[in-house]
């Protein structure tokens, strides 16, 4: 039986540091490191994942790549007023998932757009990169699309900041 184009992409992304994608991913990450924290891109890096999460190649649908630092939280040391047990500076774990942080940063960078979903595209020793799918709720192509027009409702304003995306719900313990 013949396999679809998307199944081949999915297989390649199961282990991007091995096989066909390794050299390409290495070159991409070198380029991404020189770019800003949030970059609008023309097309998704992982087309299979983007399409499965609702991406469509049409006007009003935007993809942005966000980089977020890896590791635990960085806290400043308090000057006074704590017992030593509560004075932790290192080994602090944030309650927020890094993917959720990436979505929130994209929401703040593009205030007129709404986050549909996001997915990881790479990581190195210092940071992780996510691609965030954003929709323009005021664009006629989105308003007339039966699959995407639900996001035009005002109840979905700032949905990433309120933890209503897939990553946000999973982080809050609501997802599967």
N, C-alpha and C. Protein backbone atom coordinates (compact mmCIF):
# COMPACT_ATOMS: atom_id res chain seq x y z
N UNK A 1 0.85 -1.18 0.00
CA UNK A 1 0.00 0.00 0.00
C UNK A 1 0.89 1.24 0.00
N UNK A 2 0.52 2.23 -0.75
CA UNK A 2 1.33 3.45 -0.83
C UNK A 2 1.07 4.34 0.39
N UNK A 3 2.12 5.03 0.78
CA UNK A 3 2.03 5.92 1.94
C UNK A 3 1.90 7.36 1.47
N UNK A 4 1.26 8.14 2.28
CA UNK A 4 1.07 9.55 1.92
C UNK A 4 2.35 10.35 2.15
N UNK A 5 2.39 11.50 1.54
CA UNK A 5 3.52 12.42 1.70
C UNK A 5 3.69 12.81 3.17
N UNK A 6 2.56 13.02 3.86
CA UNK A 6 2.61 13.44 5.25
C UNK A 6 3.16 12.34 6.16
N UNK A 7 2.92 11.09 5.82
CA UNK A 7 3.46 10.00 6.64
C UNK A 7 4.98 9.94 6.54
N UNK A 8 5.52 10.27 5.38
CA UNK A 8 6.97 10.33 5.22
C UNK A 8 7.56 11.47 6.05
N UNK A 9 6.89 12.61 6.04
CA UNK A 9 7.36 13.74 6.86
C UNK A 9 7.31 13.36 8.34
N UNK A 10 6.22 12.72 8.74
CA UNK A 10 6.05 12.32 10.14
C UNK A 10 7.15 11.37 10.58
N UNK A 11 7.49 10.41 9.72
CA UNK A 11 8.57 9.46 10.05
C UNK A 11 9.91 10.16 10.19
N UNK A 12 10.17 11.12 9.33
CA UNK A 12 11.44 11.85 9.40
C UNK A 12 11.53 12.66 10.69
N UNK A 13 10.40 13.18 11.18
CA UNK A 13 10.41 14.00 12.39
C UNK A 13 10.35 13.20 13.67
N UNK A 14 10.22 11.87 13.58
CA UNK A 14 10.22 11.07 14.81
C UNK A 14 11.55 11.19 15.54
N UNK A 15 12.65 11.25 14.78
CA UNK A 15 13.97 11.50 15.37
C UNK A 15 14.72 12.45 14.44
N UNK A 16 14.53 13.76 14.62
CA UNK A 16 15.09 14.72 13.67
C UNK A 16 16.61 14.81 13.70
N UNK A 17 17.25 14.34 14.76
CA UNK A 17 18.71 14.41 14.84
C UNK A 17 19.39 13.21 14.18
N UNK A 18 18.60 12.33 13.61
CA UNK A 18 19.13 11.16 12.90
C UNK A 18 18.56 11.15 11.49
N UNK A 19 19.25 10.49 10.59
CA UNK A 19 18.71 10.28 9.24
C UNK A 19 18.70 11.51 8.36
N UNK A 20 17.62 11.62 7.58
CA UNK A 20 17.53 12.64 6.54
C UNK A 20 17.53 14.07 7.07
N UNK A 21 16.94 14.27 8.22
CA UNK A 21 16.76 15.63 8.73
C UNK A 21 17.95 16.18 9.51
N UNK A 22 18.90 15.34 9.89
CA UNK A 22 19.95 15.75 10.82
C UNK A 22 20.75 16.95 10.32
N UNK A 23 21.27 16.86 9.12
CA UNK A 23 22.09 17.95 8.57
C UNK A 23 21.26 19.21 8.36
N UNK A 24 20.06 19.04 7.84
CA UNK A 24 19.18 20.18 7.61
C UNK A 24 18.81 20.87 8.92
N UNK A 25 18.50 20.07 9.92
CA UNK A 25 18.13 20.63 11.22
C UNK A 25 19.30 21.37 11.86
N UNK A 26 20.50 20.85 11.68
CA UNK A 26 21.71 21.49 12.22
C UNK A 26 21.91 22.86 11.59
N UNK A 27 21.70 22.94 10.26
CA UNK A 27 21.83 24.22 9.56
C UNK A 27 20.73 25.19 9.97
N UNK A 28 19.52 24.68 10.11
CA UNK A 28 18.41 25.52 10.51
C UNK A 28 18.65 26.16 11.87
N UNK A 29 19.12 25.34 12.82
CA UNK A 29 19.32 25.84 14.17
C UNK A 29 20.40 26.91 14.22
N UNK A 30 21.42 26.78 13.38
CA UNK A 30 22.44 27.83 13.32
C UNK A 30 21.82 29.14 12.86
N UNK A 31 20.93 29.06 11.91
CA UNK A 31 20.25 30.26 11.41
C UNK A 31 19.28 30.81 12.45
N UNK A 32 18.54 29.92 13.12
CA UNK A 32 17.56 30.35 14.12
C UNK A 32 18.22 31.07 15.29
N UNK A 33 19.43 30.64 15.66
CA UNK A 33 20.12 31.27 16.79
C UNK A 33 20.41 32.74 16.55
N UNK A 34 20.63 33.11 15.29
CA UNK A 34 20.94 34.50 14.97
C UNK A 34 19.69 35.36 14.84
N UNK A 35 18.52 34.74 14.76
CA UNK A 35 17.28 35.48 14.60
C UNK A 35 16.74 35.91 15.97
N UNK A 36 15.67 36.68 15.93
CA UNK A 36 15.06 37.15 17.16
C UNK A 36 14.30 36.05 17.88
N UNK A 37 13.77 36.41 19.05
CA UNK A 37 13.06 35.45 19.88
C UNK A 37 11.76 34.99 19.22
N UNK A 38 11.11 35.89 18.49
CA UNK A 38 9.87 35.55 17.77
C UNK A 38 10.00 36.05 16.34
N UNK A 39 9.90 35.12 15.40
CA UNK A 39 10.04 35.46 13.98
C UNK A 39 8.82 34.96 13.22
N UNK A 40 8.23 35.83 12.43
CA UNK A 40 7.15 35.41 11.54
C UNK A 40 7.78 34.69 10.35
N UNK A 41 7.23 33.54 9.99
CA UNK A 41 7.79 32.75 8.89
C UNK A 41 6.74 32.55 7.81
N UNK A 42 7.21 32.26 6.61
CA UNK A 42 6.31 32.16 5.46
C UNK A 42 5.48 30.88 5.47
N UNK A 43 6.15 29.76 5.81
CA UNK A 43 5.45 28.48 5.80
C UNK A 43 5.96 27.61 6.95
N UNK A 44 5.16 26.66 7.40
CA UNK A 44 5.58 25.83 8.54
C UNK A 44 6.76 24.92 8.21
N UNK A 45 7.58 24.67 9.22
CA UNK A 45 8.71 23.75 9.06
C UNK A 45 8.21 22.31 9.04
N UNK A 46 7.24 22.01 9.90
CA UNK A 46 6.65 20.67 9.96
C UNK A 46 5.23 20.74 9.40
N UNK A 47 5.13 20.55 8.10
CA UNK A 47 3.84 20.70 7.44
C UNK A 47 2.81 19.69 7.94
N UNK A 48 3.24 18.47 8.21
CA UNK A 48 2.31 17.44 8.68
C UNK A 48 1.70 17.82 10.03
N UNK A 49 2.53 18.28 10.94
CA UNK A 49 2.06 18.65 12.28
C UNK A 49 1.18 19.90 12.22
N UNK A 50 1.60 20.86 11.43
CA UNK A 50 0.83 22.09 11.31
C UNK A 50 -0.56 21.82 10.73
N UNK A 51 -0.63 20.98 9.69
CA UNK A 51 -1.92 20.67 9.09
C UNK A 51 -2.82 19.91 10.07
N UNK A 52 -2.22 19.01 10.84
CA UNK A 52 -3.02 18.25 11.80
C UNK A 52 -3.56 19.13 12.93
N UNK A 53 -2.89 20.27 13.19
CA UNK A 53 -3.32 21.18 14.25
C UNK A 53 -4.21 22.30 13.74
N UNK A 54 -4.51 22.32 12.44
CA UNK A 54 -5.46 23.29 11.91
C UNK A 54 -4.91 24.31 10.94
N UNK A 55 -3.62 24.22 10.60
CA UNK A 55 -3.03 25.17 9.66
C UNK A 55 -3.62 24.98 8.27
N UNK A 56 -3.89 26.10 7.60
CA UNK A 56 -4.30 26.08 6.20
C UNK A 56 -3.50 27.17 5.49
N UNK A 57 -3.09 26.89 4.26
CA UNK A 57 -2.32 27.86 3.49
C UNK A 57 -3.28 28.87 2.87
N UNK A 58 -3.71 29.82 3.68
CA UNK A 58 -4.64 30.83 3.19
C UNK A 58 -4.37 32.14 3.92
N UNK A 59 -4.93 33.21 3.41
CA UNK A 59 -4.75 34.51 4.04
C UNK A 59 -5.40 34.51 5.41
N UNK A 60 -4.78 35.20 6.34
CA UNK A 60 -5.30 35.26 7.70
C UNK A 60 -4.72 34.21 8.61
N UNK A 61 -3.95 33.26 8.06
CA UNK A 61 -3.29 32.23 8.86
C UNK A 61 -1.80 32.53 8.84
N UNK A 62 -1.22 32.74 10.01
CA UNK A 62 0.19 33.14 10.13
C UNK A 62 0.90 32.13 11.01
N UNK A 63 2.17 31.86 10.69
CA UNK A 63 2.99 30.98 11.51
C UNK A 63 4.18 31.80 12.02
N UNK A 64 4.45 31.67 13.32
CA UNK A 64 5.59 32.36 13.92
C UNK A 64 6.43 31.34 14.68
N UNK A 65 7.76 31.50 14.60
CA UNK A 65 8.67 30.64 15.34
C UNK A 65 9.13 31.38 16.59
N UNK A 66 8.97 30.74 17.75
CA UNK A 66 9.36 31.36 19.02
C UNK A 66 10.42 30.51 19.69
N UNK A 67 11.44 31.16 20.21
CA UNK A 67 12.47 30.45 20.97
C UNK A 67 12.30 30.79 22.45
N UNK A 68 12.41 29.75 23.28
CA UNK A 68 12.28 29.91 24.72
C UNK A 68 13.45 29.20 25.37
N UNK A 69 14.03 29.82 26.37
CA UNK A 69 15.17 29.21 27.05
C UNK A 69 14.75 27.92 27.77
N UNK A 70 15.68 26.99 27.86
CA UNK A 70 15.42 25.73 28.53
C UNK A 70 15.83 25.82 29.99
N UNK A 71 15.42 24.86 30.76
CA UNK A 71 15.88 24.76 32.14
C UNK A 71 14.91 25.36 33.13
N UNK A 72 15.33 25.34 34.39
CA UNK A 72 14.49 25.83 35.47
C UNK A 72 14.45 27.34 35.54
N UNK A 73 13.72 27.82 36.53
CA UNK A 73 13.55 29.26 36.69
C UNK A 73 14.81 29.90 37.26
N UNK A 74 15.01 31.16 36.90
CA UNK A 74 16.10 31.93 37.48
C UNK A 74 15.48 32.93 38.45
N UNK A 75 15.81 32.84 39.73
CA UNK A 75 15.28 33.77 40.72
C UNK A 75 16.41 34.58 41.32
N UNK A 76 16.13 35.84 41.60
CA UNK A 76 17.12 36.66 42.29
C UNK A 76 17.12 36.29 43.76
N UNK A 77 18.28 36.40 44.37
CA UNK A 77 18.38 36.09 45.79
C UNK A 77 17.75 37.22 46.60
N UNK A 78 16.95 36.85 47.59
CA UNK A 78 16.31 37.84 48.44
C UNK A 78 17.35 38.50 49.35
N UNK A 79 17.12 39.75 49.69
CA UNK A 79 18.06 40.45 50.56
C UNK A 79 17.79 40.16 52.03
N UNK A 80 16.53 39.98 52.39
CA UNK A 80 16.22 39.70 53.80
C UNK A 80 14.81 39.13 53.90
N UNK A 81 14.49 38.62 55.08
CA UNK A 81 13.12 38.27 55.38
C UNK A 81 12.66 36.89 54.96
N UNK A 82 13.56 35.92 54.85
CA UNK A 82 13.15 34.55 54.54
C UNK A 82 13.95 33.60 55.43
N UNK A 83 13.29 32.50 55.77
CA UNK A 83 14.11 31.43 56.35
C UNK A 83 14.82 30.73 55.21
N UNK A 84 15.90 30.11 55.51
CA UNK A 84 16.79 29.60 54.47
C UNK A 84 16.12 28.59 53.55
N UNK A 85 15.15 27.83 54.06
CA UNK A 85 14.47 26.84 53.22
C UNK A 85 13.71 27.52 52.07
N UNK A 86 13.16 28.70 52.32
CA UNK A 86 12.36 29.42 51.34
C UNK A 86 13.18 30.41 50.52
N UNK A 87 14.50 30.37 50.70
CA UNK A 87 15.35 31.34 50.04
C UNK A 87 15.90 30.80 48.73
N UNK A 88 15.22 29.81 48.15
CA UNK A 88 15.74 29.12 46.98
C UNK A 88 15.99 30.02 45.79
N UNK A 89 17.12 29.81 45.15
CA UNK A 89 17.49 30.55 43.97
C UNK A 89 17.64 29.60 42.79
N UNK A 90 18.25 28.46 43.02
CA UNK A 90 18.43 27.45 41.98
C UNK A 90 17.42 26.32 42.19
N UNK A 91 17.31 25.48 41.20
CA UNK A 91 16.43 24.31 41.24
C UNK A 91 14.97 24.69 41.52
N UNK A 92 14.54 25.79 40.93
CA UNK A 92 13.14 26.22 41.03
C UNK A 92 12.45 25.79 39.74
N UNK A 93 11.31 25.14 39.86
CA UNK A 93 10.56 24.70 38.69
C UNK A 93 9.35 25.61 38.51
N UNK A 94 9.21 26.15 37.32
CA UNK A 94 8.05 26.98 37.03
C UNK A 94 6.82 26.10 36.89
N UNK A 95 5.67 26.69 37.17
CA UNK A 95 4.42 25.95 37.04
C UNK A 95 3.90 26.00 35.60
N UNK A 96 4.61 26.73 34.75
CA UNK A 96 4.15 26.93 33.38
C UNK A 96 5.05 26.18 32.41
N UNK A 97 4.45 25.48 31.48
CA UNK A 97 5.16 24.75 30.44
C UNK A 97 5.85 25.72 29.49
N UNK A 98 7.01 25.33 28.97
CA UNK A 98 7.76 26.20 28.06
C UNK A 98 6.97 26.45 26.77
N UNK A 99 6.24 25.46 26.30
CA UNK A 99 5.42 25.64 25.09
C UNK A 99 4.35 26.70 25.33
N UNK A 100 3.79 26.68 26.51
CA UNK A 100 2.77 27.69 26.85
C UNK A 100 3.39 29.09 26.91
N UNK A 101 4.61 29.18 27.41
CA UNK A 101 5.32 30.46 27.44
C UNK A 101 5.52 30.99 26.02
N UNK A 102 5.89 30.09 25.09
CA UNK A 102 6.08 30.48 23.69
C UNK A 102 4.79 31.02 23.09
N UNK A 103 3.66 30.36 23.37
CA UNK A 103 2.37 30.82 22.85
C UNK A 103 2.01 32.20 23.41
N UNK A 104 2.26 32.39 24.70
CA UNK A 104 1.93 33.67 25.33
C UNK A 104 2.77 34.80 24.76
N UNK A 105 4.04 34.53 24.50
CA UNK A 105 4.91 35.56 23.93
C UNK A 105 4.45 35.95 22.53
N UNK A 106 4.01 34.96 21.76
CA UNK A 106 3.49 35.27 20.42
C UNK A 106 2.20 36.08 20.51
N UNK A 107 1.37 35.80 21.50
CA UNK A 107 0.14 36.57 21.70
C UNK A 107 0.47 38.03 21.97
N UNK A 108 1.49 38.26 22.78
CA UNK A 108 1.88 39.64 23.11
C UNK A 108 2.54 40.34 21.92
N UNK A 109 3.27 39.59 21.12
CA UNK A 109 3.95 40.17 19.96
C UNK A 109 2.95 40.54 18.85
N UNK A 110 1.94 39.68 18.67
CA UNK A 110 0.92 39.92 17.65
C UNK A 110 -0.44 40.08 18.33
N UNK A 111 -0.74 41.26 18.90
CA UNK A 111 -1.96 41.42 19.70
C UNK A 111 -3.26 41.32 18.91
N UNK A 112 -3.21 41.51 17.58
CA UNK A 112 -4.43 41.42 16.78
C UNK A 112 -4.72 40.00 16.31
N UNK A 113 -3.84 39.05 16.61
CA UNK A 113 -4.03 37.66 16.18
C UNK A 113 -4.37 36.78 17.37
N UNK A 114 -4.88 35.59 17.07
CA UNK A 114 -5.23 34.63 18.13
C UNK A 114 -4.51 33.32 17.88
N UNK A 115 -4.02 32.72 18.96
CA UNK A 115 -3.26 31.48 18.86
C UNK A 115 -4.21 30.32 18.63
N UNK A 116 -3.95 29.56 17.58
CA UNK A 116 -4.72 28.35 17.31
C UNK A 116 -4.08 27.17 18.00
N UNK A 117 -2.77 26.98 17.77
CA UNK A 117 -2.05 25.85 18.34
C UNK A 117 -0.56 26.05 18.15
N UNK A 118 0.24 25.13 18.67
CA UNK A 118 1.69 25.20 18.49
C UNK A 118 2.29 23.81 18.58
N UNK A 119 3.53 23.70 18.10
CA UNK A 119 4.23 22.41 18.10
C UNK A 119 5.73 22.67 18.12
N UNK A 120 6.53 21.73 18.66
CA UNK A 120 7.99 21.92 18.72
C UNK A 120 8.64 21.66 17.37
N UNK A 121 9.71 22.43 17.07
CA UNK A 121 10.45 22.22 15.83
C UNK A 121 11.93 21.98 16.06
N UNK A 122 12.41 22.10 17.28
CA UNK A 122 13.82 21.84 17.53
C UNK A 122 14.27 22.33 18.88
N UNK A 123 15.43 21.85 19.28
CA UNK A 123 16.03 22.30 20.52
C UNK A 123 17.53 22.08 20.48
N UNK A 124 18.24 22.91 21.23
CA UNK A 124 19.66 22.70 21.42
C UNK A 124 19.93 22.73 22.92
N UNK A 125 21.16 22.96 23.31
CA UNK A 125 21.48 22.93 24.74
C UNK A 125 20.87 24.07 25.53
N UNK A 126 20.56 25.16 24.88
CA UNK A 126 20.10 26.34 25.59
C UNK A 126 18.63 26.68 25.40
N UNK A 127 18.07 26.36 24.25
CA UNK A 127 16.71 26.81 23.97
C UNK A 127 15.91 25.79 23.17
N UNK A 128 14.60 25.99 23.22
CA UNK A 128 13.68 25.19 22.42
C UNK A 128 12.95 26.14 21.48
N UNK A 129 12.67 25.64 20.29
CA UNK A 129 11.93 26.43 19.31
C UNK A 129 10.56 25.80 19.08
N UNK A 130 9.54 26.65 19.06
CA UNK A 130 8.18 26.22 18.78
C UNK A 130 7.64 27.05 17.62
N UNK A 131 6.79 26.44 16.83
CA UNK A 131 6.07 27.19 15.80
C UNK A 131 4.63 27.32 16.26
N UNK A 132 4.15 28.55 16.25
CA UNK A 132 2.83 28.88 16.76
C UNK A 132 1.95 29.29 15.57
N UNK A 133 0.79 28.66 15.46
CA UNK A 133 -0.16 28.99 14.39
C UNK A 133 -1.09 30.07 14.92
N UNK A 134 -1.12 31.20 14.23
CA UNK A 134 -1.93 32.35 14.63
C UNK A 134 -2.97 32.65 13.56
N UNK A 135 -4.14 33.10 14.00
CA UNK A 135 -5.22 33.43 13.07
C UNK A 135 -5.65 34.87 13.26
N UNK A 136 -6.01 35.52 12.16
CA UNK A 136 -6.52 36.88 12.21
C UNK A 136 -8.05 36.80 12.25
N UNK A 137 -8.67 37.10 13.39
CA UNK A 137 -10.13 36.94 13.50
C UNK A 137 -10.92 37.96 12.68
N UNK A 138 -10.26 39.03 12.22
CA UNK A 138 -10.96 40.06 11.45
C UNK A 138 -10.83 39.86 9.94
N UNK A 139 -10.09 38.85 9.53
CA UNK A 139 -9.89 38.61 8.10
C UNK A 139 -11.10 37.86 7.53
N UNK A 140 -11.54 38.28 6.36
CA UNK A 140 -12.73 37.68 5.76
C UNK A 140 -12.52 36.21 5.42
N UNK A 141 -11.28 35.81 5.08
CA UNK A 141 -11.01 34.41 4.75
C UNK A 141 -11.21 33.51 5.97
N UNK A 142 -10.92 34.03 7.16
CA UNK A 142 -11.11 33.26 8.40
C UNK A 142 -12.59 33.27 8.79
N UNK A 143 -13.24 34.43 8.65
CA UNK A 143 -14.66 34.54 8.99
C UNK A 143 -15.52 33.62 8.14
N UNK A 144 -15.12 33.39 6.88
CA UNK A 144 -15.91 32.57 5.97
C UNK A 144 -15.50 31.10 5.96
N UNK A 145 -14.50 30.73 6.73
CA UNK A 145 -14.03 29.35 6.79
C UNK A 145 -14.79 28.61 7.89
N UNK A 146 -15.51 27.58 7.53
CA UNK A 146 -16.31 26.85 8.50
C UNK A 146 -15.50 26.15 9.58
N UNK A 147 -14.26 25.79 9.27
CA UNK A 147 -13.42 25.11 10.26
C UNK A 147 -12.76 26.07 11.24
N UNK A 148 -12.53 27.30 10.83
CA UNK A 148 -11.75 28.23 11.64
C UNK A 148 -12.53 29.42 12.17
N UNK A 149 -13.77 29.62 11.72
CA UNK A 149 -14.46 30.86 12.09
C UNK A 149 -14.90 30.91 13.55
N UNK A 150 -14.84 29.80 14.27
CA UNK A 150 -15.17 29.81 15.70
C UNK A 150 -14.24 30.73 16.49
N UNK A 151 -13.01 30.92 15.98
CA UNK A 151 -12.03 31.73 16.72
C UNK A 151 -12.33 33.22 16.60
N UNK A 152 -13.24 33.60 15.70
CA UNK A 152 -13.61 35.01 15.54
C UNK A 152 -14.48 35.50 16.69
N UNK A 153 -15.07 34.59 17.43
CA UNK A 153 -15.91 34.97 18.56
C UNK A 153 -15.06 35.65 19.64
N UNK A 154 -15.60 36.66 20.30
CA UNK A 154 -14.83 37.43 21.28
C UNK A 154 -14.44 36.61 22.51
N UNK A 155 -15.08 35.48 22.73
CA UNK A 155 -14.71 34.67 23.89
C UNK A 155 -13.32 34.06 23.75
N UNK A 156 -12.78 34.06 22.54
CA UNK A 156 -11.46 33.47 22.30
C UNK A 156 -10.35 34.51 22.29
N UNK A 157 -10.65 35.72 22.75
CA UNK A 157 -9.64 36.77 22.85
C UNK A 157 -8.60 36.38 23.91
N UNK A 158 -7.33 36.50 23.57
CA UNK A 158 -6.23 36.16 24.49
C UNK A 158 -6.33 34.73 25.03
N UNK A 159 -6.68 33.79 24.20
CA UNK A 159 -6.88 32.41 24.67
C UNK A 159 -5.59 31.78 25.16
N UNK A 160 -4.44 32.16 24.61
CA UNK A 160 -3.16 31.61 25.08
C UNK A 160 -2.85 32.11 26.49
N UNK A 161 -3.15 33.38 26.76
CA UNK A 161 -2.86 33.95 28.08
C UNK A 161 -3.77 33.36 29.16
N UNK A 162 -4.93 32.86 28.75
CA UNK A 162 -5.86 32.27 29.72
C UNK A 162 -5.75 30.75 29.78
N UNK A 163 -4.78 30.19 29.04
CA UNK A 163 -4.57 28.74 29.10
C UNK A 163 -5.64 27.94 28.39
N UNK A 164 -6.18 28.45 27.29
CA UNK A 164 -7.26 27.76 26.58
C UNK A 164 -6.80 27.02 25.35
N UNK A 165 -5.51 27.12 25.00
CA UNK A 165 -4.98 26.35 23.88
C UNK A 165 -4.71 24.92 24.34
N UNK A 166 -4.34 24.04 23.42
CA UNK A 166 -4.07 22.65 23.78
C UNK A 166 -2.95 22.56 24.81
N UNK A 167 -1.86 23.32 24.58
CA UNK A 167 -0.73 23.30 25.51
C UNK A 167 -1.14 23.87 26.87
N UNK A 168 -1.97 24.90 26.85
CA UNK A 168 -2.43 25.51 28.10
C UNK A 168 -3.31 24.58 28.90
N UNK A 169 -4.22 23.89 28.23
CA UNK A 169 -5.11 22.96 28.93
C UNK A 169 -4.33 21.78 29.49
N UNK A 170 -3.37 21.29 28.72
CA UNK A 170 -2.56 20.17 29.18
C UNK A 170 -1.73 20.58 30.40
N UNK A 171 -1.19 21.80 30.38
CA UNK A 171 -0.40 22.30 31.48
C UNK A 171 -1.24 22.49 32.74
N UNK A 172 -2.51 22.82 32.56
CA UNK A 172 -3.42 23.01 33.69
C UNK A 172 -4.03 21.70 34.17
N UNK A 173 -3.70 20.60 33.49
CA UNK A 173 -4.20 19.30 33.91
C UNK A 173 -5.57 18.97 33.36
N UNK A 174 -6.00 19.65 32.30
CA UNK A 174 -7.33 19.44 31.73
C UNK A 174 -7.30 18.55 30.50
N UNK A 175 -6.15 18.50 29.80
CA UNK A 175 -6.06 17.74 28.56
C UNK A 175 -5.83 16.27 28.81
N UNK A 176 -5.82 15.51 27.72
CA UNK A 176 -5.62 14.07 27.84
C UNK A 176 -4.15 13.72 27.85
